[in-house]
N, C-alpha and C. Protein backbone atom coordinates (compact mmCIF):
# COMPACT_ATOMS: atom_id res chain seq x y z
N MET A 1 18.55 15.21 5.33
CA MET A 1 18.86 14.21 4.37
C MET A 1 17.72 14.33 3.29
N ASN A 2 18.16 14.27 2.08
CA ASN A 2 17.38 14.12 0.88
C ASN A 2 17.13 12.80 0.35
N PHE A 3 15.88 12.37 -0.06
CA PHE A 3 15.63 11.09 -0.71
C PHE A 3 15.14 11.44 -2.07
N LEU A 4 15.74 10.62 -3.00
CA LEU A 4 15.18 10.62 -4.30
C LEU A 4 14.20 9.45 -4.58
N VAL A 5 12.99 10.07 -4.90
CA VAL A 5 11.83 9.14 -5.10
C VAL A 5 11.45 8.93 -6.65
N ASN A 6 11.41 7.76 -7.16
CA ASN A 6 10.98 7.59 -8.52
C ASN A 6 9.50 7.73 -8.51
N ASN A 7 9.02 8.78 -8.99
CA ASN A 7 7.64 8.92 -9.14
C ASN A 7 7.07 8.08 -10.27
N ASN A 8 7.88 7.71 -11.12
CA ASN A 8 7.48 6.84 -12.31
C ASN A 8 7.29 5.42 -12.08
N ALA A 9 7.51 4.96 -10.88
CA ALA A 9 7.37 3.50 -10.40
C ALA A 9 5.84 3.13 -10.43
N LYS A 10 5.63 2.16 -11.31
CA LYS A 10 4.29 1.55 -11.39
C LYS A 10 4.28 0.08 -11.27
N ALA A 11 3.15 -0.25 -10.63
CA ALA A 11 2.87 -1.79 -10.45
C ALA A 11 2.27 -2.18 -11.65
N LYS A 12 2.88 -3.44 -12.11
CA LYS A 12 2.44 -4.22 -13.31
C LYS A 12 1.52 -5.25 -12.93
N LYS A 13 1.94 -5.90 -11.69
CA LYS A 13 1.10 -6.93 -11.11
C LYS A 13 1.12 -6.97 -9.65
N VAL A 14 0.13 -7.18 -9.06
CA VAL A 14 -0.20 -7.34 -7.71
C VAL A 14 -0.64 -8.77 -7.22
N TRP A 15 -0.20 -9.34 -6.15
CA TRP A 15 -0.54 -10.55 -5.62
C TRP A 15 -0.43 -10.68 -4.18
N PHE A 16 -0.83 -11.60 -3.51
CA PHE A 16 -0.68 -11.74 -2.07
C PHE A 16 -0.37 -13.32 -1.75
N ASP A 17 0.44 -13.41 -0.58
CA ASP A 17 0.57 -14.61 -0.01
C ASP A 17 -0.20 -14.62 1.35
N ASP A 18 -0.03 -15.47 2.29
CA ASP A 18 -0.77 -15.38 3.65
C ASP A 18 -0.54 -14.12 4.31
N ASN A 19 0.74 -13.58 4.21
CA ASN A 19 1.21 -12.56 5.16
C ASN A 19 1.47 -11.19 4.42
N ASN A 20 1.58 -11.10 3.21
CA ASN A 20 2.22 -9.99 2.46
C ASN A 20 1.37 -9.69 1.12
N LEU A 21 1.65 -8.33 0.87
CA LEU A 21 1.27 -7.77 -0.47
C LEU A 21 2.50 -7.72 -1.30
N TRP A 22 2.41 -8.31 -2.46
CA TRP A 22 3.47 -8.38 -3.43
C TRP A 22 3.08 -7.46 -4.52
N LEU A 23 4.09 -6.79 -5.16
CA LEU A 23 4.11 -6.16 -6.44
C LEU A 23 5.20 -6.39 -7.38
N LEU A 24 4.92 -6.50 -8.57
CA LEU A 24 6.04 -6.57 -9.77
C LEU A 24 5.91 -5.22 -10.32
N LEU A 25 6.97 -4.34 -10.41
CA LEU A 25 6.97 -3.13 -10.84
C LEU A 25 7.52 -3.23 -12.48
N TYR A 26 7.11 -2.32 -13.23
CA TYR A 26 7.34 -2.30 -14.68
C TYR A 26 8.78 -2.32 -14.86
N ASP A 27 9.57 -1.87 -13.99
CA ASP A 27 11.07 -1.88 -14.09
C ASP A 27 11.65 -3.25 -13.74
N GLY A 28 10.90 -4.13 -13.35
CA GLY A 28 11.38 -5.44 -12.92
C GLY A 28 11.66 -5.73 -11.46
N ARG A 29 11.53 -4.66 -10.58
CA ARG A 29 11.64 -4.70 -9.33
C ARG A 29 10.36 -5.67 -8.72
N GLN A 30 10.65 -6.38 -7.66
CA GLN A 30 9.54 -6.91 -6.72
C GLN A 30 9.69 -6.39 -5.42
N LEU A 31 8.35 -6.11 -4.94
CA LEU A 31 8.31 -5.67 -3.60
C LEU A 31 7.31 -6.36 -2.72
N SER A 32 7.70 -6.78 -1.51
CA SER A 32 6.73 -7.46 -0.73
C SER A 32 6.54 -6.56 0.49
N VAL A 33 5.30 -6.28 1.04
CA VAL A 33 5.15 -5.45 2.19
C VAL A 33 4.11 -6.35 3.07
N PRO A 34 4.45 -6.38 4.42
CA PRO A 34 3.66 -7.16 5.39
C PRO A 34 2.30 -6.49 5.50
N PHE A 35 1.22 -7.23 5.62
CA PHE A 35 0.00 -6.72 5.82
C PHE A 35 -0.23 -5.82 7.13
N ALA A 36 0.70 -6.24 8.15
CA ALA A 36 0.75 -5.47 9.25
C ALA A 36 0.87 -3.87 9.15
N TYR A 37 1.50 -3.51 7.91
CA TYR A 37 1.60 -2.04 7.41
C TYR A 37 0.15 -1.65 7.20
N PHE A 38 -0.70 -2.42 6.98
CA PHE A 38 -2.02 -1.84 6.44
C PHE A 38 -3.09 -2.75 7.12
N PRO A 39 -3.76 -2.25 8.20
CA PRO A 39 -4.50 -3.02 9.13
C PRO A 39 -5.81 -3.47 8.31
N ARG A 40 -6.28 -2.70 7.35
CA ARG A 40 -7.37 -3.08 6.39
C ARG A 40 -7.17 -4.14 5.79
N LEU A 41 -6.08 -4.25 5.16
CA LEU A 41 -5.59 -5.46 4.35
C LEU A 41 -5.45 -6.69 5.37
N LEU A 42 -4.93 -6.61 6.54
CA LEU A 42 -4.56 -7.51 7.45
C LEU A 42 -5.94 -8.21 7.94
N HIS A 43 -6.92 -7.46 8.20
CA HIS A 43 -8.25 -7.89 8.64
C HIS A 43 -9.05 -8.16 7.62
N ALA A 44 -8.79 -8.20 6.22
CA ALA A 44 -9.70 -8.40 5.24
C ALA A 44 -9.70 -9.86 4.96
N THR A 45 -10.78 -10.30 4.25
CA THR A 45 -10.83 -11.75 3.71
C THR A 45 -9.86 -11.79 2.50
N VAL A 46 -9.47 -12.98 2.10
CA VAL A 46 -8.79 -13.14 0.87
C VAL A 46 -9.56 -12.65 -0.29
N GLU A 47 -10.87 -12.87 -0.32
CA GLU A 47 -11.81 -12.44 -1.38
C GLU A 47 -11.70 -10.90 -1.42
N GLU A 48 -11.83 -10.22 -0.24
CA GLU A 48 -11.84 -8.63 -0.13
C GLU A 48 -10.44 -8.20 -0.67
N ARG A 49 -9.39 -8.73 -0.36
CA ARG A 49 -7.97 -8.45 -0.88
C ARG A 49 -7.94 -8.50 -2.48
N LEU A 50 -8.54 -9.54 -2.90
CA LEU A 50 -8.53 -9.62 -4.45
C LEU A 50 -9.38 -8.78 -5.18
N ARG A 51 -10.33 -7.93 -4.58
CA ARG A 51 -11.24 -6.98 -5.18
C ARG A 51 -10.56 -5.67 -5.22
N PHE A 52 -9.32 -5.44 -5.85
CA PHE A 52 -8.66 -4.24 -6.02
C PHE A 52 -8.54 -3.80 -7.54
N GLU A 53 -8.06 -2.55 -7.79
CA GLU A 53 -7.72 -2.05 -9.14
C GLU A 53 -6.65 -1.20 -9.02
N LEU A 54 -5.78 -1.27 -10.03
CA LEU A 54 -4.62 -0.57 -10.28
C LEU A 54 -5.06 0.83 -10.58
N SER A 55 -4.69 1.89 -10.11
CA SER A 55 -5.09 3.23 -10.29
C SER A 55 -3.95 4.12 -11.02
N GLY A 56 -4.26 4.95 -11.82
CA GLY A 56 -3.26 5.74 -12.49
C GLY A 56 -2.47 5.07 -13.23
N GLY A 57 -2.73 4.06 -13.95
CA GLY A 57 -1.80 3.23 -14.67
C GLY A 57 -0.80 2.51 -14.00
N GLY A 58 -1.06 2.19 -12.72
CA GLY A 58 -0.26 1.47 -11.84
C GLY A 58 0.60 2.25 -10.63
N ILE A 59 0.29 3.51 -10.64
CA ILE A 59 0.78 4.41 -9.45
C ILE A 59 0.24 4.06 -8.17
N GLY A 60 -0.82 3.47 -8.24
CA GLY A 60 -1.71 3.25 -6.91
C GLY A 60 -2.42 1.84 -7.02
N ILE A 61 -2.72 1.41 -5.75
CA ILE A 61 -3.72 0.30 -5.79
C ILE A 61 -4.86 0.73 -4.87
N HIS A 62 -6.10 0.43 -5.40
CA HIS A 62 -7.34 0.93 -4.76
C HIS A 62 -8.27 -0.26 -4.40
N TRP A 63 -8.73 -0.22 -3.11
CA TRP A 63 -9.80 -1.15 -2.65
C TRP A 63 -11.02 -0.47 -2.32
N ASP A 64 -11.93 -0.48 -3.28
CA ASP A 64 -13.12 0.31 -2.98
C ASP A 64 -13.92 -0.20 -1.68
N GLU A 65 -14.09 -1.43 -1.66
CA GLU A 65 -14.81 -2.05 -0.58
C GLU A 65 -14.22 -1.81 0.87
N LEU A 66 -12.83 -1.79 0.75
CA LEU A 66 -12.11 -1.59 2.03
C LEU A 66 -11.73 -0.16 2.41
N ASP A 67 -12.06 0.59 1.46
CA ASP A 67 -11.69 2.11 1.57
C ASP A 67 -10.20 2.33 1.78
N GLU A 68 -9.45 1.59 1.03
CA GLU A 68 -7.99 1.59 1.13
C GLU A 68 -7.18 2.05 -0.24
N ASP A 69 -6.38 2.90 -0.16
CA ASP A 69 -5.64 3.35 -1.34
C ASP A 69 -4.06 3.24 -0.82
N ILE A 70 -3.25 2.65 -1.71
CA ILE A 70 -1.83 2.60 -1.47
C ILE A 70 -1.12 3.20 -2.67
N SER A 71 -0.07 3.95 -2.34
CA SER A 71 0.74 4.39 -3.54
C SER A 71 1.85 3.54 -3.58
N VAL A 72 2.36 3.34 -4.97
CA VAL A 72 3.59 2.50 -5.08
C VAL A 72 4.84 3.33 -4.45
N SER A 73 4.86 4.64 -4.81
CA SER A 73 5.97 5.50 -4.46
C SER A 73 6.15 5.50 -2.85
N GLY A 74 4.89 5.48 -2.22
CA GLY A 74 4.91 5.42 -0.71
C GLY A 74 5.44 4.01 -0.25
N LEU A 75 5.06 3.06 -0.85
CA LEU A 75 5.57 1.75 -0.52
C LEU A 75 7.06 1.60 -0.54
N LEU A 76 7.70 2.27 -1.74
CA LEU A 76 9.10 2.18 -1.93
C LEU A 76 9.76 3.08 -0.82
N LEU A 77 9.07 4.04 -0.22
CA LEU A 77 9.70 4.83 0.81
C LEU A 77 9.45 4.16 2.19
N GLY A 78 8.63 3.01 2.34
CA GLY A 78 8.28 2.46 3.60
C GLY A 78 7.23 2.90 4.29
N ILE A 79 6.40 3.74 3.66
CA ILE A 79 5.45 4.33 4.30
C ILE A 79 4.10 3.45 4.44
N GLY A 80 3.76 2.99 5.54
CA GLY A 80 2.48 2.32 5.91
C GLY A 80 1.21 3.11 5.94
N ASP A 81 0.30 2.59 6.77
CA ASP A 81 -0.94 3.15 7.05
C ASP A 81 -0.93 4.62 7.44
N GLN A 82 -1.61 5.55 6.79
CA GLN A 82 -1.60 6.91 7.15
C GLN A 82 -2.85 7.29 7.86
N THR A 83 -3.79 6.52 8.08
CA THR A 83 -5.03 6.84 8.71
C THR A 83 -5.04 6.90 10.18
N LYS A 84 -3.99 6.20 10.74
CA LYS A 84 -3.99 6.35 12.33
C LYS A 84 -3.74 7.82 12.77
N LYS A 85 -4.28 8.20 13.92
CA LYS A 85 -4.08 9.44 14.40
C LYS A 85 -3.10 9.23 15.48
N ASN A 86 -2.22 10.43 15.57
CA ASN A 86 -1.13 10.29 16.64
C ASN A 86 -1.78 10.69 17.95
N ARG A 87 -1.95 9.95 18.96
CA ARG A 87 -2.56 10.30 20.11
C ARG A 87 -1.86 11.33 20.96
N SER A 88 -0.53 11.35 20.69
CA SER A 88 0.26 12.35 21.44
C SER A 88 -0.04 13.77 21.05
N ASN A 89 -0.57 13.98 19.90
CA ASN A 89 -1.02 15.29 19.56
C ASN A 89 -2.42 15.77 19.91
N LEU A 90 -3.13 14.78 20.46
CA LEU A 90 -4.38 15.22 20.99
C LEU A 90 -4.27 16.17 22.11
N GLN A 91 -5.10 17.00 22.37
CA GLN A 91 -5.09 18.08 23.61
C GLN A 91 -6.31 17.78 24.17
N ILE A 92 -6.21 17.78 25.55
CA ILE A 92 -7.35 17.54 26.53
C ILE A 92 -7.83 18.94 26.99
N THR A 93 -9.05 19.23 26.88
CA THR A 93 -9.38 20.62 27.40
C THR A 93 -10.43 20.43 28.38
């Protein structure tokens, strides 16, 4: 199955409610993603969440203090946190 990804999708505005990260894209779409997809955001304080910057003209969101980077195109594909290691791939020697 092939997926077409709009690599030109850029965030114009980012905000938060109690449970979600919200984005307004330049093309008018709005996207909501639960913090559960991103444990660092889930466990961050409101103040820490607010200290972000849009990177690459809006193609990504960066939290320096939280060491978190999220791509807009990844969100559109439903991709969550990629820092977890898949334990099933670990080998015991």
